Amino acid sequence: MRTILYATNDLLAGSLAIKLKEEGNDVIIFEKSGLKTLEGLVRKEPFDQLGKFIKKLDKEKDLIVFEDCGFGDVPVMLREKGYNVIGGSSDTAKMESNRKIGGKIAEIVGIKVPKMHRVKSLKEGIQFIKDNPGRYCLKQEGEILDSIKGLNSISKLSDGKDLIDQMEWLDNMWVSGLRQDFILQDFVEGYEVAMGAYWNGKEFMKDKDGDEICEWNMEHKKLAVGDRGTATGELFTLIRFCKAKNDKLFQETLEKLKPALLTLNYKGCVDINTIISNGEVHFLEFTNRFGSPATSGHLPLMKGKCPLVAGLPNLFVNSRK
């Protein structure tokens, strides 16, 4: 039996903790938010006790999972001490929370990136659209990206006046004391498709034939059918696994990202969200963590035990260096 310490902010992928427990592991959840999610189903301990439990681990077989971002460089420091750790660093977190940084990395590795304009307030963004009429996507950044979902909007009018109306309403409804932080991204007409895979620090997870595997996922964020209604964080997601070597989208995204990943001390899921327009791939954002609900969608598609701790090959546990 392995002990698996599962550190999380608010359980993005609680089904993963359940799956690991069902496979016979001693799973203990340490949740920052203090929610009662999975209480009675999986053992939970106060988050401030995580360090005490880490000291009791067997470095050869036990595992620490940092489910999402917000833990700084702690996963990296623990790996350097010889622990088996899934998780990222402050750098891999910035790739998601700061879209300008993420876009710059994508640009460097050769992925097309729509122009992004950082605005420090909704009023600043409104003035930008008035000075530069056009179709834009309003996207939340930083603190509000992590804590609030559903603020993103897309203009449908060619001059962006409908987005200005939305931003004015949002500014009037804004919560006092919460810092505004957004980008305006040039609109690209096309299909939104993301490409993800599990990275072990050297390569992506492989199937039984020894081939790297990846997964397509298509998010649906609007509340109603026909892509209408208010935006949700993510209403549902379609997922399909395939061999990476046979997939054009993988070659245009994650394959190009490999040199950058080799310089980052990261292990876990890597996802690139894109817009495909006229056969060309345009970068939108990175997700370097377990996804919600993507991870829950992955598990039923994986045959046998979860490859995070067992499988062919056992990439995550046996590749610390």
C-alpha atoms as a PDB file:
ATOM      1  CA  MET A   1       0.000   0.000   0.000  1.00  0.00           C
ATOM      2  CA  ARG A   2       1.222   3.484  -0.907  1.00  0.00           C
ATOM      3  CA  THR A   3       0.514   6.586   1.117  1.00  0.00           C
ATOM      4  CA  ILE A   4      -0.609   9.448  -1.129  1.00  0.00           C
ATOM      5  CA  LEU A   5      -0.809  12.951   0.311  1.00  0.00           C
ATOM      6  CA  TYR A   6      -3.247  14.964  -1.782  1.00  0.00           C
ATOM      7  CA  ALA A   7      -2.742  18.727  -1.381  1.00  0.00           C
ATOM      8  CA  THR A   8      -5.369  20.990  -2.899  1.00  0.00           C
ATOM      9  CA  ASN A   9      -6.945  24.421  -2.701  1.00  0.00           C
ATOM     10  CA  ASP A  10     -10.572  23.377  -3.248  1.00  0.00           C
ATOM     11  CA  LEU A  11     -10.603  19.912  -4.873  1.00  0.00           C
ATOM     12  CA  LEU A  12     -10.672  20.506  -8.620  1.00  0.00           C
ATOM     13  CA  ALA A  13     -10.439  16.769  -9.255  1.00  0.00           C
ATOM     14  CA  GLY A  14     -11.857  15.000  -6.236  1.00  0.00           C
ATOM     15  CA  SER A  15     -12.653  11.947  -8.359  1.00  0.00           C
ATOM     16  CA  LEU A  16      -8.902  11.385  -8.718  1.00  0.00           C
ATOM     17  CA  ALA A  17      -8.523  11.112  -4.934  1.00  0.00           C
ATOM     18  CA  ILE A  18     -11.411   8.610  -4.841  1.00  0.00           C
ATOM     19  CA  LYS A  19      -9.886   6.590  -7.695  1.00  0.00           C
ATOM     20  CA  LEU A  20      -6.502   6.387  -5.948  1.00  0.00           C
ATOM     21  CA  LYS A  21      -8.185   5.256  -2.733  1.00  0.00           C
ATOM     22  CA  GLU A  22     -10.252   2.603  -4.551  1.00  0.00           C
ATOM     23  CA  GLU A  23      -7.010   1.167  -5.944  1.00  0.00           C
ATOM     24  CA  GLY A  24      -5.850   0.379  -2.408  1.00  0.00           C
ATOM     25  CA  ASN A  25      -3.753   3.434  -1.579  1.00  0.00           C
ATOM     26  CA  ASP A  26      -3.867   5.273   1.744  1.00  0.00           C
ATOM     27  CA  VAL A  27      -5.039   8.670   0.437  1.00  0.00           C
ATOM     28  CA  ILE A  28      -5.105  11.718   2.737  1.00  0.00           C
ATOM     29  CA  ILE A  29      -6.517  15.037   1.523  1.00  0.00           C
ATOM     30  CA  PHE A  30      -5.136  18.374   2.777  1.00  0.00           C
ATOM     31  CA  GLU A  31      -7.506  21.082   1.569  1.00  0.00           C
ATOM     32  CA  LYS A  32      -6.746  24.785   1.976  1.00  0.00           C
ATOM     33  CA  SER A  33     -10.314  26.024   1.599  1.00  0.00           C
ATOM     34  CA  GLY A  34     -11.735  23.931   4.440  1.00  0.00           C
ATOM     35  CA  LEU A  35     -14.740  22.745   2.412  1.00  0.00           C
ATOM     36  CA  LYS A  36     -16.514  19.540   3.371  1.00  0.00           C
ATOM     37  CA  THR A  37     -16.154  18.023  -0.117  1.00  0.00           C
ATOM     38  CA  LEU A  38     -15.576  14.222   0.040  1.00  0.00           C
ATOM     39  CA  GLU A  39     -15.851  14.292   3.831  1.00  0.00           C
ATOM     40  CA  GLY A  40     -16.535  10.722   4.969  1.00  0.00           C
ATOM     41  CA  LEU A  41     -15.392   9.288   1.620  1.00  0.00           C
ATOM     42  CA  VAL A  42     -11.669  10.049   1.760  1.00  0.00           C
ATOM     43  CA  ARG A  43      -9.616  10.775   4.871  1.00  0.00           C
ATOM     44  CA  LYS A  44      -9.013  14.496   5.387  1.00  0.00           C
ATOM     45  CA  GLU A  45      -6.545  16.279   7.635  1.00  0.00           C
ATOM     46  CA  PRO A  46      -6.003  20.013   8.338  1.00  0.00           C
ATOM     47  CA  PHE A  47      -3.854  21.632   5.664  1.00  0.00           C
ATOM     48  CA  ASP A  48      -1.367  22.946   8.214  1.00  0.00           C
ATOM     49  CA  GLN A  49      -0.532  19.326   9.121  1.00  0.00           C
ATOM     50  CA  LEU A  50       0.793  18.504   5.642  1.00  0.00           C
ATOM     51  CA  GLY A  51       4.443  19.030   6.604  1.00  0.00           C
ATOM     52  CA  LYS A  52       4.177  16.622   9.535  1.00  0.00           C
ATOM     53  CA  PHE A  53       2.756  13.887   7.307  1.00  0.00           C
ATOM     54  CA  ILE A  54       5.399  14.459   4.617  1.00  0.00           C
ATOM     55  CA  LYS A  55       8.143  13.656   7.128  1.00  0.00           C
ATOM     56  CA  LYS A  56       6.615  10.198   7.678  1.00  0.00           C
ATOM     57  CA  LEU A  57       6.604   9.219   3.980  1.00  0.00           C
ATOM     58  CA  ASP A  58       8.638   6.437   2.402  1.00  0.00           C
ATOM     59  CA  LYS A  59      10.545   8.306  -0.336  1.00  0.00           C
ATOM     60  CA  GLU A  60      10.817   5.179  -2.477  1.00  0.00           C
ATOM     61  CA  LYS A  61       7.135   4.335  -2.831  1.00  0.00           C
ATOM     62  CA  ASP A  62       4.886   7.081  -1.428  1.00  0.00           C
ATOM     63  CA  LEU A  63       3.587  10.036  -3.392  1.00  0.00           C
ATOM     64  CA  ILE A  64       2.608  13.685  -2.919  1.00  0.00           C
ATOM     65  CA  VAL A  65       0.057  15.196  -5.314  1.00  0.00           C
ATOM     66  CA  PHE A  66      -0.319  18.978  -5.576  1.00  0.00           C
ATOM     67  CA  GLU A  67      -3.595  19.042  -7.440  1.00  0.00           C
ATOM     68  CA  ASP A  68      -3.600  22.657  -8.639  1.00  0.00           C
ATOM     69  CA  CYS A  69      -1.607  25.909  -8.592  1.00  0.00           C
ATOM     70  CA  GLY A  70      -1.030  28.127  -5.579  1.00  0.00           C
ATOM     71  CA  PHE A  71       1.732  26.187  -3.811  1.00  0.00           C
ATOM     72  CA  GLY A  72       4.659  28.186  -5.180  1.00  0.00           C
ATOM     73  CA  ASP A  73       7.888  26.206  -5.500  1.00  0.00           C
ATOM     74  CA  VAL A  74       7.086  23.746  -2.703  1.00  0.00           C
ATOM     75  CA  PRO A  75       6.640  20.784  -5.143  1.00  0.00           C
ATOM     76  CA  VAL A  76      10.049  21.541  -6.668  1.00  0.00           C
ATOM     77  CA  MET A  77      11.795  21.753  -3.290  1.00  0.00           C
ATOM     78  CA  LEU A  78      10.273  18.453  -2.178  1.00  0.00           C
ATOM     79  CA  ARG A  79      11.372  16.730  -5.390  1.00  0.00           C
ATOM     80  CA  GLU A  80      14.895  18.017  -4.803  1.00  0.00           C
ATOM     81  CA  LYS A  81      14.770  16.350  -1.364  1.00  0.00           C
ATOM     82  CA  GLY A  82      13.982  13.008  -3.007  1.00  0.00           C
ATOM     83  CA  TYR A  83      10.206  12.801  -2.640  1.00  0.00           C
ATOM     84  CA  ASN A  84       7.940  11.589  -5.445  1.00  0.00           C
ATOM     85  CA  VAL A  85       5.889  14.679  -6.272  1.00  0.00           C
ATOM     86  CA  ILE A  86       3.326  15.600  -8.909  1.00  0.00           C
ATOM     87  CA  GLY A  87       2.998  19.358  -9.259  1.00  0.00           C
ATOM     88  CA  GLY A  88       4.533  22.510 -10.625  1.00  0.00           C
ATOM     89  CA  SER A  89       6.274  25.692  -9.592  1.00  0.00           C
ATOM     90  CA  SER A  90       5.633  29.399  -9.423  1.00  0.00           C
ATOM     91  CA  ASP A  91       6.832  29.612 -13.053  1.00  0.00           C
ATOM     92  CA  THR A  92       4.388  27.008 -14.374  1.00  0.00           C
ATOM     93  CA  ALA A  93       1.578  28.709 -12.421  1.00  0.00           C
ATOM     94  CA  LYS A  94       2.390  32.054 -14.057  1.00  0.00           C
ATOM     95  CA  MET A  95       2.029  30.448 -17.486  1.00  0.00           C
ATOM     96  CA  GLU A  96      -1.691  30.160 -16.722  1.00  0.00           C
ATOM     97  CA  SER A  97      -2.443  33.089 -14.401  1.00  0.00           C
ATOM     98  CA  ASN A  98      -0.527  35.634 -16.517  1.00  0.00           C
ATOM     99  CA  ARG A  99      -1.744  35.240 -20.102  1.00  0.00           C
ATOM    100  CA  LYS A 100       0.901  37.650 -21.425  1.00  0.00           C
ATOM    101  CA  ILE A 101       3.661  35.407 -20.060  1.00  0.00           C
ATOM    102  CA  GLY A 102       1.905  32.308 -21.376  1.00  0.00           C
ATOM    103  CA  GLY A 103       1.469  33.914 -24.771  1.00  0.00           C
ATOM    104  CA  LYS A 104       5.136  34.920 -24.910  1.00  0.00           C
ATOM    105  CA  ILE A 105       6.222  31.321 -24.203  1.00  0.00           C
ATOM    106  CA  ALA A 106       3.856  30.023 -26.884  1.00  0.00           C
ATOM    107  CA  GLU A 107       5.236  32.590 -29.328  1.00  0.00           C
ATOM    108  CA  ILE A 108       8.827  31.611 -28.571  1.00  0.00           C
ATOM    109  CA  VAL A 109       8.176  27.903 -29.283  1.00  0.00           C
ATOM    110  CA  GLY A 110       6.459  28.732 -32.566  1.00  0.00           C
ATOM    111  CA  ILE A 111       2.718  28.772 -31.862  1.00  0.00           C
ATOM    112  CA  LYS A 112       0.682  31.640 -33.310  1.00  0.00           C
ATOM    113  CA  VAL A 113      -0.712  33.965 -30.624  1.00  0.00           C
ATOM    114  CA  PRO A 114      -3.506  36.549 -31.110  1.00  0.00           C
ATOM    115  CA  LYS A 115      -2.506  39.997 -29.871  1.00  0.00           C
ATOM    116  CA  MET A 116      -3.210  40.588 -26.181  1.00  0.00           C
ATOM    117  CA  HIS A 117      -3.659  43.939 -24.465  1.00  0.00           C
ATOM    118  CA  ARG A 118      -3.342  44.003 -20.654  1.00  0.00           C
ATOM    119  CA  VAL A 119      -5.741  46.423 -18.947  1.00  0.00           C
ATOM    120  CA  LYS A 120      -5.632  47.266 -15.259  1.00  0.00           C
ATOM    121  CA  SER A 121      -9.298  48.248 -15.064  1.00  0.00           C
ATOM    122  CA  LEU A 122     -12.531  47.802 -16.977  1.00  0.00           C
ATOM    123  CA  LYS A 123     -12.636  51.557 -17.651  1.00  0.00           C
ATOM    124  CA  GLU A 124      -9.170  51.336 -19.231  1.00  0.00           C
ATOM    125  CA  GLY A 125     -10.380  48.440 -21.384  1.00  0.00           C
ATOM    126  CA  ILE A 126     -13.505  50.336 -22.450  1.00  0.00           C
ATOM    127  CA  GLN A 127     -11.380  53.280 -23.560  1.00  0.00           C
ATOM    128  CA  PHE A 128      -9.044  50.944 -25.442  1.00  0.00           C
ATOM    129  CA  ILE A 129     -11.943  49.524 -27.497  1.00  0.00           C
ATOM    130  CA  LYS A 130     -13.268  53.039 -28.200  1.00  0.00           C
ATOM    131  CA  ASP A 131      -9.823  54.048 -29.473  1.00  0.00           C
ATOM    132  CA  ASN A 132      -9.326  50.756 -31.352  1.00  0.00           C
ATOM    133  CA  PRO A 133     -12.762  49.517 -32.543  1.00  0.00           C
ATOM    134  CA  GLY A 134     -12.905  45.797 -33.305  1.00  0.00           C
ATOM    135  CA  ARG A 135     -13.912  42.395 -31.995  1.00  0.00           C
ATOM    136  CA  TYR A 136     -12.184  41.367 -28.779  1.00  0.00           C
ATOM    137  CA  CYS A 137     -12.319  38.686 -26.095  1.00  0.00           C
ATOM    138  CA  LEU A 138     -12.356  39.975 -22.526  1.00  0.00           C
ATOM    139  CA  LYS A 139     -10.516  37.528 -20.241  1.00  0.00           C
ATOM    140  CA  GLN A 140      -9.917  37.656 -16.504  1.00  0.00           C
ATOM    141  CA  GLU A 141      -6.396  37.467 -15.092  1.00  0.00           C
ATOM    142  CA  GLY A 142      -4.432  36.894 -11.886  1.00  0.00           C
ATOM    143  CA  GLU A 143      -6.373  36.651  -8.627  1.00  0.00           C
ATOM    144  CA  ILE A 144      -9.820  36.789 -10.243  1.00  0.00           C
ATOM    145  CA  LEU A 145      -8.805  34.082 -12.728  1.00  0.00           C
ATOM    146  CA  ASP A 146      -8.334  31.690  -9.805  1.00  0.00           C
ATOM    147  CA  SER A 147     -11.235  32.795  -7.614  1.00  0.00           C
ATOM    148  CA  ILE A 148     -14.095  33.809  -9.934  1.00  0.00           C
ATOM    149  CA  LYS A 149     -15.351  32.156 -13.107  1.00  0.00           C
ATOM    150  CA  GLY A 150     -17.678  33.387 -15.828  1.00  0.00           C
ATOM    151  CA  LEU A 151     -16.443  36.980 -16.353  1.00  0.00           C
ATOM    152  CA  ASN A 152     -15.028  36.328 -19.820  1.00  0.00           C
ATOM    153  CA  SER A 153     -16.978  37.823 -22.735  1.00  0.00           C
ATOM    154  CA  ILE A 154     -16.656  37.966 -26.526  1.00  0.00           C
ATOM    155  CA  SER A 155     -17.852  40.823 -28.707  1.00  0.00           C
ATOM    156  CA  LYS A 156     -20.121  39.877 -31.576  1.00  0.00           C
ATOM    157  CA  LEU A 157     -20.273  43.319 -33.191  1.00  0.00           C
ATOM    158  CA  SER A 158     -17.440  44.393 -35.474  1.00  0.00           C
ATOM    159  CA  ASP A 159     -16.811  47.604 -33.507  1.00  0.00           C
ATOM    160  CA  GLY A 160     -16.955  45.936 -30.051  1.00  0.00           C
ATOM    161  CA  LYS A 161     -19.768  48.165 -28.761  1.00  0.00           C
ATOM    162  CA  ASP A 162     -21.626  45.182 -27.291  1.00  0.00           C
ATOM    163  CA  LEU A 163     -18.509  44.279 -25.267  1.00  0.00           C
ATOM    164  CA  ILE A 164     -18.290  47.879 -24.057  1.00  0.00           C
ATOM    165  CA  ASP A 165     -21.883  47.595 -22.779  1.00  0.00           C
ATOM    166  CA  GLN A 166     -21.003  44.343 -20.977  1.00  0.00           C
ATOM    167  CA  MET A 167     -17.872  45.862 -19.429  1.00  0.00           C
ATOM    168  CA  GLU A 168     -19.760  48.958 -18.243  1.00  0.00           C
ATOM    169  CA  TRP A 169     -22.369  46.752 -16.565  1.00  0.00           C
ATOM    170  CA  LEU A 170     -19.633  44.606 -14.997  1.00  0.00           C
ATOM    171  CA  ASP A 171     -17.819  47.696 -13.720  1.00  0.00           C
ATOM    172  CA  ASN A 172     -21.028  48.992 -12.080  1.00  0.00           C
ATOM    173  CA  MET A 173     -21.579  45.612 -10.395  1.00  0.00           C
ATOM    174  CA  TRP A 174     -17.946  45.192  -9.275  1.00  0.00           C
ATOM    175  CA  VAL A 175     -17.230  44.120  -5.711  1.00  0.00           C
ATOM    176  CA  SER A 176     -15.464  46.811  -3.694  1.00  0.00           C
ATOM    177  CA  GLY A 177     -11.890  45.910  -2.759  1.00  0.00           C
ATOM    178  CA  LEU A 178     -11.416  43.280  -5.498  1.00  0.00           C
ATOM    179  CA  ARG A 179      -8.674  44.295  -7.914  1.00  0.00           C
ATOM    180  CA  GLN A 180      -9.671  44.378 -11.572  1.00  0.00           C
ATOM    181  CA  ASP A 181      -7.258  42.550 -13.863  1.00  0.00           C
ATOM    182  CA  PHE A 182      -8.091  41.694 -17.481  1.00  0.00           C
ATOM    183  CA  ILE A 183      -6.717  41.296 -20.967  1.00  0.00           C
ATOM    184  CA  LEU A 184      -8.383  42.126 -24.262  1.00  0.00           C
ATOM    185  CA  GLN A 185      -7.414  39.569 -26.886  1.00  0.00           C
ATOM    186  CA  ASP A 186      -7.970  40.054 -30.611  1.00  0.00           C
ATOM    187  CA  PHE A 187     -10.890  37.869 -31.703  1.00  0.00           C
ATOM    188  CA  VAL A 188     -10.124  34.919 -33.989  1.00  0.00           C
ATOM    189  CA  GLU A 189     -13.034  33.182 -35.741  1.00  0.00           C
ATOM    190  CA  GLY A 190     -12.769  29.403 -35.456  1.00  0.00           C
ATOM    191  CA  TYR A 191     -13.221  26.332 -33.285  1.00  0.00           C
ATOM    192  CA  GLU A 192     -11.968  26.197 -29.703  1.00  0.00           C
ATOM    193  CA  VAL A 193     -10.083  22.932 -29.081  1.00  0.00           C
ATOM    194  CA  ALA A 194      -7.533  22.082 -26.380  1.00  0.00           C
ATOM    195  CA  MET A 195      -4.710  19.542 -26.431  1.00  0.00           C
ATOM    196  CA  GLY A 196      -3.498  17.912 -23.217  1.00  0.00           C
ATOM    197  CA  ALA A 197      -1.102  15.201 -22.036  1.00  0.00           C
ATOM    198  CA  TYR A 198       0.616  14.022 -18.829  1.00  0.00           C
ATOM    199  CA  TRP A 199       4.272  15.095 -18.538  1.00  0.00           C
ATOM    200  CA  ASN A 200       6.749  13.238 -16.306  1.00  0.00           C
ATOM    201  CA  GLY A 201       9.603  15.744 -16.552  1.00  0.00           C
ATOM    202  CA  LYS A 202      11.154  14.109 -19.634  1.00  0.00           C
ATOM    203  CA  GLU A 203       8.339  12.903 -21.876  1.00  0.00           C
ATOM    204  CA  PHE A 204       4.585  12.519 -22.112  1.00  0.00           C
ATOM    205  CA  MET A 205       2.757   9.489 -20.745  1.00  0.00           C
ATOM    206  CA  LYS A 206       2.857   6.478 -23.052  1.00  0.00           C
ATOM    207  CA  ASP A 207       0.407   3.724 -23.902  1.00  0.00           C
ATOM    208  CA  LYS A 208       1.102  -0.020 -23.795  1.00  0.00           C
ATOM    209  CA  ASP A 209       2.782   0.199 -27.225  1.00  0.00           C
ATOM    210  CA  GLY A 210       5.322   2.722 -25.945  1.00  0.00           C
ATOM    211  CA  ASP A 211       3.798   5.633 -27.887  1.00  0.00           C
ATOM    212  CA  GLU A 212       3.161   9.005 -26.283  1.00  0.00           C
ATOM    213  CA  ILE A 213      -0.550   9.675 -25.886  1.00  0.00           C
ATOM    214  CA  CYS A 214      -2.489  12.931 -25.816  1.00  0.00           C
ATOM    215  CA  GLU A 215      -6.090  13.974 -25.477  1.00  0.00           C
ATOM    216  CA  TRP A 216      -8.354  16.377 -27.301  1.00  0.00           C
ATOM    217  CA  ASN A 217     -10.833  18.265 -25.166  1.00  0.00           C
ATOM    218  CA  MET A 218     -13.544  20.696 -26.213  1.00  0.00           C
ATOM    219  CA  GLU A 219     -15.071  22.857 -23.481  1.00  0.00           C
ATOM    220  CA  HIS A 220     -18.634  24.138 -23.558  1.00  0.00           C
ATOM    221  CA  LYS A 221     -18.990  27.179 -21.326  1.00  0.00           C
ATOM    222  CA  LYS A 222     -22.356  28.723 -22.158  1.00  0.00           C
ATOM    223  CA  LEU A 223     -25.301  27.775 -19.965  1.00  0.00           C
ATOM    224  CA  ALA A 224     -27.817  27.144 -22.766  1.00  0.00           C
ATOM    225  CA  VAL A 225     -27.815  25.216 -26.057  1.00  0.00           C
ATOM    226  CA  GLY A 226     -26.713  26.926 -29.241  1.00  0.00           C
ATOM    227  CA  ASP A 227     -23.759  28.531 -27.423  1.00  0.00           C
ATOM    228  CA  ARG A 228     -26.145  30.970 -25.733  1.00  0.00           C
ATOM    229  CA  GLY A 229     -26.693  32.197 -22.231  1.00  0.00           C
ATOM    230  CA  THR A 230     -24.348  33.318 -19.491  1.00  0.00           C
ATOM    231  CA  ALA A 231     -20.782  32.011 -19.401  1.00  0.00           C
ATOM    232  CA  THR A 232     -20.003  29.342 -16.808  1.00  0.00           C
ATOM    233  CA  GLY A 233     -16.574  28.212 -15.630  1.00  0.00           C
ATOM    234  CA  GLU A 234     -17.089  25.071 -17.717  1.00  0.00           C
ATOM    235  CA  LEU A 235     -20.448  23.390 -18.218  1.00  0.00           C
ATOM    236  CA  PHE A 236     -19.190  20.167 -19.818  1.00  0.00           C
ATOM    237  CA  THR A 237     -16.213  18.892 -21.804  1.00  0.00           C
ATOM    238  CA  LEU A 238     -15.800  16.366 -24.615  1.00  0.00           C
ATOM    239  CA  ILE A 239     -12.589  14.290 -24.428  1.00  0.00           C
ATOM    240  CA  ARG A 240     -10.819  11.882 -26.780  1.00  0.00           C
ATOM    241  CA  PHE A 241      -7.436  10.151 -26.262  1.00  0.00           C
ATOM    242  CA  CYS A 242      -5.171   9.364 -29.223  1.00  0.00           C
ATOM    243  CA  LYS A 243      -1.557   8.584 -30.146  1.00  0.00           C
ATOM    244  CA  ALA A 244       0.473  11.777 -30.176  1.00  0.00           C
ATOM    245  CA  LYS A 245       2.588  10.808 -33.190  1.00  0.00           C
ATOM    246  CA  ASN A 246      -0.539  10.601 -35.364  1.00  0.00           C
ATOM    247  CA  ASP A 247      -2.127  13.841 -34.198  1.00  0.00           C
ATOM    248  CA  LYS A 248      -1.572  17.094 -36.089  1.00  0.00           C
ATOM    249  CA  LEU A 249      -2.804  19.314 -33.251  1.00  0.00           C
ATOM    250  CA  PHE A 250      -0.313  17.686 -30.866  1.00  0.00           C
ATOM    251  CA  GLN A 251       2.506  18.346 -33.351  1.00  0.00           C
ATOM    252  CA  GLU A 252       1.457  21.995 -33.596  1.00  0.00           C
ATOM    253  CA  THR A 253       1.228  22.515 -29.826  1.00  0.00           C
ATOM    254  CA  LEU A 254       2.653  20.163 -27.172  1.00  0.00           C
ATOM    255  CA  GLU A 255       5.396  18.800 -29.429  1.00  0.00           C
ATOM    256  CA  LYS A 256       6.656  22.356 -29.948  1.00  0.00           C
ATOM    257  CA  LEU A 257       6.445  22.993 -26.202  1.00  0.00           C
ATOM    258  CA  LYS A 258       8.732  20.080 -25.248  1.00  0.00           C
ATOM    259  CA  PRO A 259      12.010  22.100 -25.217  1.00  0.00           C
ATOM    260  CA  ALA A 260      10.423  24.582 -22.810  1.00  0.00           C
ATOM    261  CA  LEU A 261       8.984  21.821 -20.610  1.00  0.00           C
ATOM    262  CA  LEU A 262      12.419  20.242 -20.306  1.00  0.00           C
ATOM    263  CA  THR A 263      13.633  23.442 -18.596  1.00  0.00           C
ATOM    264  CA  LEU A 264      10.720  23.514 -16.120  1.00  0.00           C
ATOM    265  CA  ASN A 265      10.666  21.373 -12.989  1.00  0.00           C
ATOM    266  CA  TYR A 266       7.134  20.137 -13.569  1.00  0.00           C
ATOM    267  CA  LYS A 267       5.227  16.859 -13.501  1.00  0.00           C
ATOM    268  CA  GLY A 268       1.538  16.596 -14.220  1.00  0.00           C
ATOM    269  CA  CYS A 269      -1.041  17.491 -16.823  1.00  0.00           C
ATOM    270  CA  VAL A 270      -0.116  20.052 -19.502  1.00  0.00           C
ATOM    271  CA  ASP A 271      -2.943  21.528 -21.561  1.00  0.00           C
ATOM    272  CA  ILE A 272      -2.911  24.132 -24.338  1.00  0.00           C
ATOM    273  CA  ASN A 273      -6.217  25.694 -25.311  1.00  0.00           C
ATOM    274  CA  THR A 274      -6.381  26.912 -28.910  1.00  0.00           C
ATOM    275  CA  ILE A 275      -8.570  28.314 -31.659  1.00  0.00           C
ATOM    276  CA  ILE A 276      -8.318  26.500 -34.984  1.00  0.00           C
ATOM    277  CA  SER A 277      -9.038  28.939 -37.811  1.00  0.00           C
ATOM    278  CA  ASN A 278      -8.608  28.181 -41.529  1.00  0.00           C
ATOM    279  CA  GLY A 279      -6.354  25.243 -40.714  1.00  0.00           C
ATOM    280  CA  GLU A 280      -4.077  27.304 -38.449  1.00  0.00           C
ATOM    281  CA  VAL A 281      -3.660  26.874 -34.688  1.00  0.00           C
ATOM    282  CA  HIS A 282      -3.845  29.990 -32.496  1.00  0.00           C
ATOM    283  CA  PHE A 283      -2.804  29.860 -28.837  1.00  0.00           C
ATOM    284  CA  LEU A 284      -5.258  30.859 -26.097  1.00  0.00           C
ATOM    285  CA  GLU A 285      -3.953  29.661 -22.720  1.00  0.00           C
ATOM    286  CA  PHE A 286      -2.005  27.063 -20.724  1.00  0.00           C
ATOM    287  CA  THR A 287      -3.346  24.873 -17.925  1.00  0.00           C
ATOM    288  CA  ASN A 288      -0.494  23.272 -15.956  1.00  0.00           C
ATOM    289  CA  ARG A 289      -2.518  21.392 -13.338  1.00  0.00           C
ATOM    290  CA  PHE A 290      -5.300  18.864 -13.060  1.00  0.00           C
ATOM    291  CA  GLY A 291      -8.436  20.109 -14.793  1.00  0.00           C
ATOM    292  CA  SER A 292     -12.020  20.434 -13.696  1.00  0.00           C
ATOM    293  CA  PRO A 293     -13.882  18.540 -15.075  1.00  0.00           C
ATOM    294  CA  ALA A 294     -11.205  17.239 -17.486  1.00  0.00           C
ATOM    295  CA  THR A 295      -9.402  14.976 -14.983  1.00  0.00           C
ATOM    296  CA  SER A 296     -12.707  13.364 -13.971  1.00  0.00           C
ATOM    297  CA  GLY A 297     -13.329  12.740 -17.673  1.00  0.00           C
ATOM    298  CA  HIS A 298      -9.892  11.168 -18.170  1.00  0.00           C
ATOM    299  CA  LEU A 299     -10.227   8.513 -15.471  1.00  0.00           C
ATOM    300  CA  PRO A 300     -12.998   6.364 -17.048  1.00  0.00           C
ATOM    301  CA  LEU A 301     -11.018   6.340 -20.311  1.00  0.00           C
ATOM    302  CA  MET A 302      -7.889   4.927 -18.659  1.00  0.00           C
ATOM    303  CA  LYS A 303      -7.869   1.138 -18.558  1.00  0.00           C
ATOM    304  CA  GLY A 304      -6.572  -0.513 -15.403  1.00  0.00           C
ATOM    305  CA  LYS A 305      -5.005   1.415 -12.551  1.00  0.00           C
ATOM    306  CA  CYS A 306      -4.454   5.135 -12.678  1.00  0.00           C
ATOM    307  CA  PRO A 307      -1.048   5.657 -14.396  1.00  0.00           C
ATOM    308  CA  LEU A 308      -0.066   8.321 -11.858  1.00  0.00           C
ATOM    309  CA  VAL A 309       1.044   5.545  -9.518  1.00  0.00           C
ATOM    310  CA  ALA A 310       0.876   2.386 -11.616  1.00  0.00           C
ATOM    311  CA  GLY A 311       0.745   1.417 -15.266  1.00  0.00           C
ATOM    312  CA  LEU A 312       2.800   0.967 -18.417  1.00  0.00           C
ATOM    313  CA  PRO A 313       5.191   2.600 -17.894  1.00  0.00           C
ATOM    314  CA  ASN A 314       5.091   3.916 -14.335  1.00  0.00           C
ATOM    315  CA  LEU A 315       6.300   7.343 -15.378  1.00  0.00           C
ATOM    316  CA  PHE A 316       5.552   9.609 -12.463  1.00  0.00           C
ATOM    317  CA  VAL A 317       6.846   7.689  -9.473  1.00  0.00           C
ATOM    318  CA  ASN A 318      10.029   6.252 -10.939  1.00  0.00           C
ATOM    319  CA  SER A 319      11.486   9.322 -12.603  1.00  0.00           C
ATOM    320  CA  ARG A 320      12.476  11.784  -9.905  1.00  0.00           C
ATOM    321  CA  LYS A 321      15.754  12.883 -11.474  1.00  0.00           C
END
